[in-house]
Protein backbone atom coordinates (compact mmCIF):
# COMPACT_ATOMS: atom_id res chain seq x y z
CA UNK A 1 0.00 0.00 0.00
CA UNK A 2 1.10 3.51 -0.74
CA UNK A 3 1.55 5.93 2.01
CA UNK A 4 -0.76 8.91 1.91
CA UNK A 5 1.20 12.13 1.49
CA UNK A 6 0.21 15.61 2.30
CA UNK A 7 0.02 18.35 -0.30
CA UNK A 8 3.10 19.94 1.27
CA UNK A 9 5.12 16.72 0.96
CA UNK A 10 4.11 16.29 -2.70
CA UNK A 11 5.12 19.88 -3.54
CA UNK A 12 8.44 19.43 -1.71
CA UNK A 13 9.21 16.26 -3.70
CA UNK A 14 8.31 17.97 -7.01
CA UNK A 15 10.58 20.93 -6.22
CA UNK A 16 13.43 18.56 -5.33
CA UNK A 17 12.96 16.62 -8.59
CA UNK A 18 12.84 19.87 -10.59
CA UNK A 19 16.03 21.08 -8.88
CA UNK A 20 17.83 17.82 -9.67
CA UNK A 21 16.62 17.93 -13.29
CA UNK A 22 17.71 21.60 -13.58
CA UNK A 23 21.19 20.80 -12.24
CA UNK A 24 21.54 17.92 -14.70
CA UNK A 25 20.44 20.15 -17.62
CA UNK A 26 22.89 22.90 -16.63
CA UNK A 27 25.69 20.33 -16.32
CA UNK A 28 24.89 18.94 -19.79
CA UNK A 29 24.76 22.41 -21.31
CA UNK A 30 28.05 23.55 -19.76
CA UNK A 31 29.70 20.21 -20.54
CA UNK A 32 28.67 20.25 -24.19
CA UNK A 33 29.85 23.85 -24.70
CA UNK A 34 33.17 23.11 -22.99
CA UNK A 35 33.60 19.90 -24.99
CA UNK A 36 32.84 21.63 -28.27
CA UNK A 37 35.29 24.44 -27.59
CA UNK A 38 38.03 21.99 -26.60
CA UNK A 39 37.41 19.82 -29.65
CA UNK A 40 37.42 22.75 -32.08
CA UNK A 41 40.61 24.35 -30.76
CA UNK A 42 43.62 24.03 -33.04
CA UNK A 43 46.53 23.68 -30.61
CA UNK A 44 48.78 21.94 -33.11
CA UNK A 45 52.13 23.77 -33.29
CA UNK A 46 52.54 22.60 -36.88
CA UNK A 47 49.74 24.99 -37.86
CA UNK A 48 52.27 27.81 -37.65
CA UNK A 49 55.21 27.83 -40.04
CA UNK A 50 57.88 30.39 -40.77
CA UNK A 51 59.01 30.66 -44.37
CA UNK A 52 60.81 33.43 -46.24
CA UNK A 53 60.82 35.55 -43.09
CA UNK A 54 57.03 35.45 -42.73
CA UNK A 55 54.90 33.53 -40.24
CA UNK A 56 52.13 31.52 -41.89
CA UNK A 57 49.28 30.14 -39.79
CA UNK A 58 46.57 27.68 -40.78
CA UNK A 59 43.03 28.99 -40.44
CA UNK A 60 39.84 27.69 -42.07
CA UNK A 61 41.81 25.47 -44.45
CA UNK A 62 44.15 28.16 -45.80
CA UNK A 63 47.59 29.48 -44.92
CA UNK A 64 47.43 33.12 -43.83
CA UNK A 65 50.21 35.64 -43.33
CA UNK A 66 50.60 39.34 -42.73
CA UNK A 67 52.68 41.46 -45.07
CA UNK A 68 52.91 44.85 -43.45
CA UNK A 69 49.40 45.47 -42.18
CA UNK A 70 47.69 43.42 -44.90
CA UNK A 71 46.50 39.82 -44.50
CA UNK A 72 46.91 37.36 -47.38
CA UNK A 73 45.60 33.79 -47.68
CA UNK A 74 46.96 30.91 -49.78
CA UNK A 75 46.10 27.26 -50.37
CA UNK A 76 49.82 26.37 -50.44
CA UNK A 77 52.91 27.47 -48.55
CA UNK A 78 55.81 28.96 -50.51
CA UNK A 79 57.79 25.74 -49.96
CA UNK A 80 54.95 23.70 -51.51
CA UNK A 81 55.13 25.67 -54.76
CA UNK A 82 58.87 26.39 -54.86
CA UNK A 83 59.34 23.87 -57.69
CA UNK A 84 56.98 25.81 -59.96
CA UNK A 85 58.82 27.99 -62.44
CA UNK A 86 57.59 31.58 -62.35
CA UNK A 87 59.13 33.53 -65.23
CA UNK A 88 57.62 37.01 -65.04
CA UNK A 89 58.62 40.54 -64.13
CA UNK A 90 55.04 41.60 -63.39
CA UNK A 91 54.65 43.36 -60.02
CA UNK A 92 51.65 44.13 -57.87
CA UNK A 93 52.21 47.83 -58.60
CA UNK A 94 51.49 47.18 -62.27
CA UNK A 95 47.99 46.02 -61.34
CA UNK A 96 47.33 48.82 -58.84
CA UNK A 97 44.07 50.63 -59.68
CA UNK A 98 44.00 49.01 -63.14
CA UNK A 99 41.51 46.55 -64.64
CA UNK A 100 42.73 42.96 -64.94
CA UNK A 101 41.25 40.79 -67.67
CA UNK A 102 40.81 37.04 -67.35
CA UNK A 103 40.92 34.47 -70.12
CA UNK A 104 39.56 30.97 -69.33
CA UNK A 105 39.06 31.72 -65.60
CA UNK A 106 38.97 28.68 -63.30
CA UNK A 107 39.57 27.86 -59.61
CA UNK A 108 42.86 29.76 -59.62
CA UNK A 109 41.07 33.08 -60.04
CA UNK A 110 39.55 32.74 -56.57
CA UNK A 111 43.05 32.58 -55.11
CA UNK A 112 44.15 35.64 -57.07
CA UNK A 113 41.04 37.73 -56.45
CA UNK A 114 41.08 37.03 -52.71
CA UNK A 115 44.63 38.34 -52.46
CA UNK A 116 44.96 41.18 -54.96
CA UNK A 117 41.33 42.09 -55.60
CA UNK A 118 41.57 45.00 -53.18
CA UNK A 119 44.42 46.54 -55.18
CA UNK A 120 42.98 46.39 -58.67
CA UNK A 121 40.18 48.39 -60.22
CA UNK A 122 38.17 45.34 -61.35
CA UNK A 123 38.32 41.86 -62.86
CA UNK A 124 36.66 41.29 -66.24
CA UNK A 125 36.51 38.22 -68.38
CA UNK A 126 37.96 38.77 -71.86
CA UNK A 127 39.03 36.98 -74.99
CA UNK A 128 42.65 37.08 -76.14
CA UNK A 129 43.01 38.70 -79.54
CA UNK A 130 43.54 36.10 -82.25
CA UNK A 131 41.54 33.38 -80.47
CA UNK A 132 38.07 32.18 -81.39
CA UNK A 133 35.74 33.79 -78.87
CA UNK A 134 32.51 31.97 -78.13
CA UNK A 135 31.43 34.31 -75.34
CA UNK A 136 30.25 37.87 -75.63
CA UNK A 137 33.26 39.43 -73.87
CA UNK A 138 35.71 42.14 -74.93
CA UNK A 139 38.73 41.16 -77.00
CA UNK A 140 42.05 42.27 -75.49
CA UNK A 141 45.70 41.99 -76.43
CA UNK A 142 48.81 41.86 -74.25
CA UNK A 143 48.97 45.64 -73.91
CA UNK A 144 46.23 45.17 -71.26
CA UNK A 145 46.78 43.39 -67.95
CA UNK A 146 45.60 39.87 -68.75
CA UNK A 147 45.80 36.63 -66.77
CA UNK A 148 45.34 33.58 -68.98
CA UNK A 149 44.58 30.16 -67.51
CA UNK A 150 45.65 27.21 -69.63
CA UNK A 151 45.55 23.45 -69.20
CA UNK A 152 48.88 21.67 -69.31
CA UNK A 153 50.89 18.75 -68.00
CA UNK A 154 53.54 21.02 -66.51
CA UNK A 155 52.58 23.63 -63.92
CA UNK A 156 54.29 26.95 -64.62
CA UNK A 157 53.79 30.69 -64.85
CA UNK A 158 55.26 32.94 -67.52
CA UNK A 159 54.51 36.27 -69.12
CA UNK A 160 54.67 37.93 -72.50
CA UNK A 161 54.28 41.71 -72.26
CA UNK A 162 51.36 42.22 -69.83
CA UNK A 163 49.89 38.73 -70.39
CA UNK A 164 50.50 36.27 -67.56
CA UNK A 165 50.01 32.60 -68.46
CA UNK A 166 49.08 30.29 -65.58
CA UNK A 167 49.49 26.75 -66.87
CA UNK A 168 48.64 23.38 -65.29
CA UNK A 169 47.50 23.20 -61.65
CA UNK A 170 45.86 26.61 -61.49
CA UNK A 171 45.73 26.89 -57.69
CA UNK A 172 49.37 25.98 -57.14
CA UNK A 173 50.48 28.14 -60.06
CA UNK A 174 48.34 31.04 -58.81
CA UNK A 175 49.97 30.76 -55.37
CA UNK A 176 53.45 30.70 -56.92
CA UNK A 177 52.54 33.76 -59.02
CA UNK A 178 51.16 35.60 -55.98
CA UNK A 179 54.27 34.85 -53.91
CA UNK A 180 56.35 36.32 -56.72
CA UNK A 181 54.37 39.53 -57.28
CA UNK A 182 54.03 40.13 -53.54
CA UNK A 183 57.81 39.92 -53.23
CA UNK A 184 57.80 36.85 -50.96
CA UNK A 185 59.81 34.73 -53.40
CA UNK A 186 62.20 35.68 -56.19
C-alpha atoms as a PDB file:
ATOM      1  CA  UNK A   1       0.000   0.000   0.000  1.00  0.00           C
ATOM      2  CA  UNK A   2       1.098   3.507  -0.737  1.00  0.00           C
ATOM      3  CA  UNK A   3       1.552   5.934   2.012  1.00  0.00           C
ATOM      4  CA  UNK A   4      -0.764   8.907   1.905  1.00  0.00           C
ATOM      5  CA  UNK A   5       1.195  12.129   1.492  1.00  0.00           C
ATOM      6  CA  UNK A   6       0.208  15.614   2.297  1.00  0.00           C
ATOM      7  CA  UNK A   7       0.016  18.346  -0.299  1.00  0.00           C
ATOM      8  CA  UNK A   8       3.097  19.943   1.268  1.00  0.00           C
ATOM      9  CA  UNK A   9       5.116  16.717   0.956  1.00  0.00           C
ATOM     10  CA  UNK A  10       4.109  16.286  -2.698  1.00  0.00           C
ATOM     11  CA  UNK A  11       5.121  19.878  -3.536  1.00  0.00           C
ATOM     12  CA  UNK A  12       8.438  19.433  -1.710  1.00  0.00           C
ATOM     13  CA  UNK A  13       9.205  16.263  -3.703  1.00  0.00           C
ATOM     14  CA  UNK A  14       8.307  17.973  -7.015  1.00  0.00           C
ATOM     15  CA  UNK A  15      10.581  20.931  -6.218  1.00  0.00           C
ATOM     16  CA  UNK A  16      13.432  18.556  -5.333  1.00  0.00           C
ATOM     17  CA  UNK A  17      12.965  16.620  -8.589  1.00  0.00           C
ATOM     18  CA  UNK A  18      12.843  19.867 -10.591  1.00  0.00           C
ATOM     19  CA  UNK A  19      16.026  21.077  -8.880  1.00  0.00           C
ATOM     20  CA  UNK A  20      17.829  17.816  -9.672  1.00  0.00           C
ATOM     21  CA  UNK A  21      16.621  17.928 -13.287  1.00  0.00           C
ATOM     22  CA  UNK A  22      17.709  21.600 -13.582  1.00  0.00           C
ATOM     23  CA  UNK A  23      21.191  20.796 -12.238  1.00  0.00           C
ATOM     24  CA  UNK A  24      21.545  17.917 -14.698  1.00  0.00           C
ATOM     25  CA  UNK A  25      20.441  20.155 -17.619  1.00  0.00           C
ATOM     26  CA  UNK A  26      22.891  22.904 -16.630  1.00  0.00           C
ATOM     27  CA  UNK A  27      25.689  20.331 -16.324  1.00  0.00           C
ATOM     28  CA  UNK A  28      24.894  18.941 -19.794  1.00  0.00           C
ATOM     29  CA  UNK A  29      24.757  22.413 -21.310  1.00  0.00           C
ATOM     30  CA  UNK A  30      28.051  23.548 -19.760  1.00  0.00           C
ATOM     31  CA  UNK A  31      29.699  20.214 -20.535  1.00  0.00           C
ATOM     32  CA  UNK A  32      28.675  20.253 -24.189  1.00  0.00           C
ATOM     33  CA  UNK A  33      29.851  23.851 -24.702  1.00  0.00           C
ATOM     34  CA  UNK A  34      33.174  23.114 -22.993  1.00  0.00           C
ATOM     35  CA  UNK A  35      33.595  19.902 -24.992  1.00  0.00           C
ATOM     36  CA  UNK A  36      32.842  21.627 -28.274  1.00  0.00           C
ATOM     37  CA  UNK A  37      35.289  24.437 -27.589  1.00  0.00           C
ATOM     38  CA  UNK A  38      38.029  21.991 -26.602  1.00  0.00           C
ATOM     39  CA  UNK A  39      37.412  19.819 -29.650  1.00  0.00           C
ATOM     40  CA  UNK A  40      37.423  22.753 -32.079  1.00  0.00           C
ATOM     41  CA  UNK A  41      40.612  24.352 -30.755  1.00  0.00           C
ATOM     42  CA  UNK A  42      43.618  24.030 -33.044  1.00  0.00           C
ATOM     43  CA  UNK A  43      46.526  23.677 -30.612  1.00  0.00           C
ATOM     44  CA  UNK A  44      48.777  21.943 -33.108  1.00  0.00           C
ATOM     45  CA  UNK A  45      52.132  23.768 -33.294  1.00  0.00           C
ATOM     46  CA  UNK A  46      52.544  22.598 -36.880  1.00  0.00           C
ATOM     47  CA  UNK A  47      49.737  24.986 -37.858  1.00  0.00           C
ATOM     48  CA  UNK A  48      52.275  27.810 -37.646  1.00  0.00           C
ATOM     49  CA  UNK A  49      55.206  27.828 -40.037  1.00  0.00           C
ATOM     50  CA  UNK A  50      57.883  30.386 -40.770  1.00  0.00           C
ATOM     51  CA  UNK A  51      59.009  30.655 -44.373  1.00  0.00           C
ATOM     52  CA  UNK A  52      60.813  33.430 -46.241  1.00  0.00           C
ATOM     53  CA  UNK A  53      60.817  35.551 -43.086  1.00  0.00           C
ATOM     54  CA  UNK A  54      57.026  35.447 -42.726  1.00  0.00           C
ATOM     55  CA  UNK A  55      54.899  33.531 -40.242  1.00  0.00           C
ATOM     56  CA  UNK A  56      52.135  31.524 -41.885  1.00  0.00           C
ATOM     57  CA  UNK A  57      49.284  30.136 -39.793  1.00  0.00           C
ATOM     58  CA  UNK A  58      46.565  27.684 -40.777  1.00  0.00           C
ATOM     59  CA  UNK A  59      43.026  28.990 -40.440  1.00  0.00           C
ATOM     60  CA  UNK A  60      39.843  27.689 -42.073  1.00  0.00           C
ATOM     61  CA  UNK A  61      41.815  25.470 -44.450  1.00  0.00           C
ATOM     62  CA  UNK A  62      44.153  28.162 -45.804  1.00  0.00           C
ATOM     63  CA  UNK A  63      47.588  29.485 -44.918  1.00  0.00           C
ATOM     64  CA  UNK A  64      47.435  33.119 -43.830  1.00  0.00           C
ATOM     65  CA  UNK A  65      50.211  35.636 -43.334  1.00  0.00           C
ATOM     66  CA  UNK A  66      50.601  39.342 -42.731  1.00  0.00           C
ATOM     67  CA  UNK A  67      52.682  41.465 -45.065  1.00  0.00           C
ATOM     68  CA  UNK A  68      52.906  44.849 -43.451  1.00  0.00           C
ATOM     69  CA  UNK A  69      49.396  45.467 -42.178  1.00  0.00           C
ATOM     70  CA  UNK A  70      47.688  43.420 -44.902  1.00  0.00           C
ATOM     71  CA  UNK A  71      46.497  39.819 -44.502  1.00  0.00           C
ATOM     72  CA  UNK A  72      46.907  37.362 -47.376  1.00  0.00           C
ATOM     73  CA  UNK A  73      45.605  33.785 -47.680  1.00  0.00           C
ATOM     74  CA  UNK A  74      46.955  30.911 -49.776  1.00  0.00           C
ATOM     75  CA  UNK A  75      46.102  27.262 -50.366  1.00  0.00           C
ATOM     76  CA  UNK A  76      49.816  26.368 -50.440  1.00  0.00           C
ATOM     77  CA  UNK A  77      52.908  27.471 -48.546  1.00  0.00           C
ATOM     78  CA  UNK A  78      55.812  28.957 -50.514  1.00  0.00           C
ATOM     79  CA  UNK A  79      57.793  25.740 -49.962  1.00  0.00           C
ATOM     80  CA  UNK A  80      54.951  23.704 -51.508  1.00  0.00           C
ATOM     81  CA  UNK A  81      55.130  25.674 -54.764  1.00  0.00           C
ATOM     82  CA  UNK A  82      58.866  26.386 -54.857  1.00  0.00           C
ATOM     83  CA  UNK A  83      59.337  23.867 -57.690  1.00  0.00           C
ATOM     84  CA  UNK A  84      56.979  25.813 -59.962  1.00  0.00           C
ATOM     85  CA  UNK A  85      58.820  27.985 -62.439  1.00  0.00           C
ATOM     86  CA  UNK A  86      57.589  31.585 -62.355  1.00  0.00           C
ATOM     87  CA  UNK A  87      59.126  33.532 -65.233  1.00  0.00           C
ATOM     88  CA  UNK A  88      57.618  37.007 -65.040  1.00  0.00           C
ATOM     89  CA  UNK A  89      58.617  40.539 -64.127  1.00  0.00           C
ATOM     90  CA  UNK A  90      55.037  41.604 -63.392  1.00  0.00           C
ATOM     91  CA  UNK A  91      54.652  43.357 -60.025  1.00  0.00           C
ATOM     92  CA  UNK A  92      51.649  44.133 -57.872  1.00  0.00           C
ATOM     93  CA  UNK A  93      52.210  47.830 -58.601  1.00  0.00           C
ATOM     94  CA  UNK A  94      51.486  47.178 -62.272  1.00  0.00           C
ATOM     95  CA  UNK A  95      47.987  46.016 -61.336  1.00  0.00           C
ATOM     96  CA  UNK A  96      47.330  48.817 -58.845  1.00  0.00           C
ATOM     97  CA  UNK A  97      44.073  50.629 -59.681  1.00  0.00           C
ATOM     98  CA  UNK A  98      43.999  49.011 -63.136  1.00  0.00           C
ATOM     99  CA  UNK A  99      41.512  46.550 -64.639  1.00  0.00           C
ATOM    100  CA  UNK A 100      42.730  42.956 -64.941  1.00  0.00           C
ATOM    101  CA  UNK A 101      41.246  40.792 -67.667  1.00  0.00           C
ATOM    102  CA  UNK A 102      40.809  37.036 -67.349  1.00  0.00           C
ATOM    103  CA  UNK A 103      40.922  34.469 -70.119  1.00  0.00           C
ATOM    104  CA  UNK A 104      39.557  30.967 -69.330  1.00  0.00           C
ATOM    105  CA  UNK A 105      39.055  31.722 -65.597  1.00  0.00           C
ATOM    106  CA  UNK A 106      38.968  28.683 -63.300  1.00  0.00           C
ATOM    107  CA  UNK A 107      39.571  27.861 -59.610  1.00  0.00           C
ATOM    108  CA  UNK A 108      42.857  29.764 -59.619  1.00  0.00           C
ATOM    109  CA  UNK A 109      41.066  33.079 -60.040  1.00  0.00           C
ATOM    110  CA  UNK A 110      39.549  32.736 -56.570  1.00  0.00           C
ATOM    111  CA  UNK A 111      43.053  32.575 -55.105  1.00  0.00           C
ATOM    112  CA  UNK A 112      44.148  35.639 -57.070  1.00  0.00           C
ATOM    113  CA  UNK A 113      41.036  37.733 -56.450  1.00  0.00           C
ATOM    114  CA  UNK A 114      41.080  37.025 -52.707  1.00  0.00           C
ATOM    115  CA  UNK A 115      44.626  38.341 -52.463  1.00  0.00           C
ATOM    116  CA  UNK A 116      44.963  41.181 -54.959  1.00  0.00           C
ATOM    117  CA  UNK A 117      41.335  42.087 -55.603  1.00  0.00           C
ATOM    118  CA  UNK A 118      41.571  44.995 -53.176  1.00  0.00           C
ATOM    119  CA  UNK A 119      44.424  46.535 -55.178  1.00  0.00           C
ATOM    120  CA  UNK A 120      42.981  46.392 -58.670  1.00  0.00           C
ATOM    121  CA  UNK A 121      40.177  48.390 -60.221  1.00  0.00           C
ATOM    122  CA  UNK A 122      38.167  45.336 -61.345  1.00  0.00           C
ATOM    123  CA  UNK A 123      38.319  41.862 -62.860  1.00  0.00           C
ATOM    124  CA  UNK A 124      36.659  41.291 -66.240  1.00  0.00           C
ATOM    125  CA  UNK A 125      36.512  38.220 -68.384  1.00  0.00           C
ATOM    126  CA  UNK A 126      37.956  38.766 -71.858  1.00  0.00           C
ATOM    127  CA  UNK A 127      39.029  36.975 -74.988  1.00  0.00           C
ATOM    128  CA  UNK A 128      42.647  37.082 -76.144  1.00  0.00           C
ATOM    129  CA  UNK A 129      43.011  38.702 -79.542  1.00  0.00           C
ATOM    130  CA  UNK A 130      43.541  36.105 -82.250  1.00  0.00           C
ATOM    131  CA  UNK A 131      41.538  33.383 -80.472  1.00  0.00           C
ATOM    132  CA  UNK A 132      38.075  32.184 -81.388  1.00  0.00           C
ATOM    133  CA  UNK A 133      35.738  33.792 -78.871  1.00  0.00           C
ATOM    134  CA  UNK A 134      32.514  31.966 -78.133  1.00  0.00           C
ATOM    135  CA  UNK A 135      31.431  34.310 -75.342  1.00  0.00           C
ATOM    136  CA  UNK A 136      30.250  37.873 -75.629  1.00  0.00           C
ATOM    137  CA  UNK A 137      33.259  39.429 -73.873  1.00  0.00           C
ATOM    138  CA  UNK A 138      35.706  42.139 -74.931  1.00  0.00           C
ATOM    139  CA  UNK A 139      38.733  41.160 -76.999  1.00  0.00           C
ATOM    140  CA  UNK A 140      42.050  42.272 -75.490  1.00  0.00           C
ATOM    141  CA  UNK A 141      45.703  41.986 -76.425  1.00  0.00           C
ATOM    142  CA  UNK A 142      48.812  41.863 -74.253  1.00  0.00           C
ATOM    143  CA  UNK A 143      48.971  45.642 -73.913  1.00  0.00           C
ATOM    144  CA  UNK A 144      46.229  45.170 -71.264  1.00  0.00           C
ATOM    145  CA  UNK A 145      46.776  43.387 -67.951  1.00  0.00           C
ATOM    146  CA  UNK A 146      45.599  39.871 -68.749  1.00  0.00           C
ATOM    147  CA  UNK A 147      45.796  36.628 -66.768  1.00  0.00           C
ATOM    148  CA  UNK A 148      45.335  33.579 -68.981  1.00  0.00           C
ATOM    149  CA  UNK A 149      44.579  30.160 -67.514  1.00  0.00           C
ATOM    150  CA  UNK A 150      45.653  27.212 -69.631  1.00  0.00           C
ATOM    151  CA  UNK A 151      45.546  23.454 -69.201  1.00  0.00           C
ATOM    152  CA  UNK A 152      48.878  21.674 -69.313  1.00  0.00           C
ATOM    153  CA  UNK A 153      50.892  18.753 -67.996  1.00  0.00           C
ATOM    154  CA  UNK A 154      53.543  21.022 -66.511  1.00  0.00           C
ATOM    155  CA  UNK A 155      52.582  23.627 -63.920  1.00  0.00           C
ATOM    156  CA  UNK A 156      54.290  26.949 -64.622  1.00  0.00           C
ATOM    157  CA  UNK A 157      53.791  30.695 -64.846  1.00  0.00           C
ATOM    158  CA  UNK A 158      55.264  32.941 -67.520  1.00  0.00           C
ATOM    159  CA  UNK A 159      54.505  36.269 -69.123  1.00  0.00           C
ATOM    160  CA  UNK A 160      54.667  37.933 -72.504  1.00  0.00           C
ATOM    161  CA  UNK A 161      54.282  41.712 -72.259  1.00  0.00           C
ATOM    162  CA  UNK A 162      51.359  42.215 -69.827  1.00  0.00           C
ATOM    163  CA  UNK A 163      49.891  38.733 -70.388  1.00  0.00           C
ATOM    164  CA  UNK A 164      50.495  36.266 -67.561  1.00  0.00           C
ATOM    165  CA  UNK A 165      50.007  32.603 -68.457  1.00  0.00           C
ATOM    166  CA  UNK A 166      49.079  30.289 -65.580  1.00  0.00           C
ATOM    167  CA  UNK A 167      49.486  26.747 -66.869  1.00  0.00           C
ATOM    168  CA  UNK A 168      48.642  23.381 -65.285  1.00  0.00           C
ATOM    169  CA  UNK A 169      47.504  23.197 -61.649  1.00  0.00           C
ATOM    170  CA  UNK A 170      45.862  26.610 -61.489  1.00  0.00           C
ATOM    171  CA  UNK A 171      45.727  26.893 -57.692  1.00  0.00           C
ATOM    172  CA  UNK A 172      49.375  25.978 -57.137  1.00  0.00           C
ATOM    173  CA  UNK A 173      50.478  28.140 -60.063  1.00  0.00           C
ATOM    174  CA  UNK A 174      48.336  31.039 -58.810  1.00  0.00           C
ATOM    175  CA  UNK A 175      49.972  30.760 -55.371  1.00  0.00           C
ATOM    176  CA  UNK A 176      53.449  30.699 -56.924  1.00  0.00           C
ATOM    177  CA  UNK A 177      52.542  33.761 -59.015  1.00  0.00           C
ATOM    178  CA  UNK A 178      51.164  35.601 -55.982  1.00  0.00           C
ATOM    179  CA  UNK A 179      54.268  34.853 -53.905  1.00  0.00           C
ATOM    180  CA  UNK A 180      56.355  36.320 -56.720  1.00  0.00           C
ATOM    181  CA  UNK A 181      54.372  39.533 -57.279  1.00  0.00           C
ATOM    182  CA  UNK A 182      54.034  40.129 -53.539  1.00  0.00           C
ATOM    183  CA  UNK A 183      57.814  39.917 -53.233  1.00  0.00           C
ATOM    184  CA  UNK A 184      57.799  36.850 -50.960  1.00  0.00           C
ATOM    185  CA  UNK A 185      59.814  34.729 -53.398  1.00  0.00           C
ATOM    186  CA  UNK A 186      62.199  35.675 -56.194  1.00  0.00           C
END
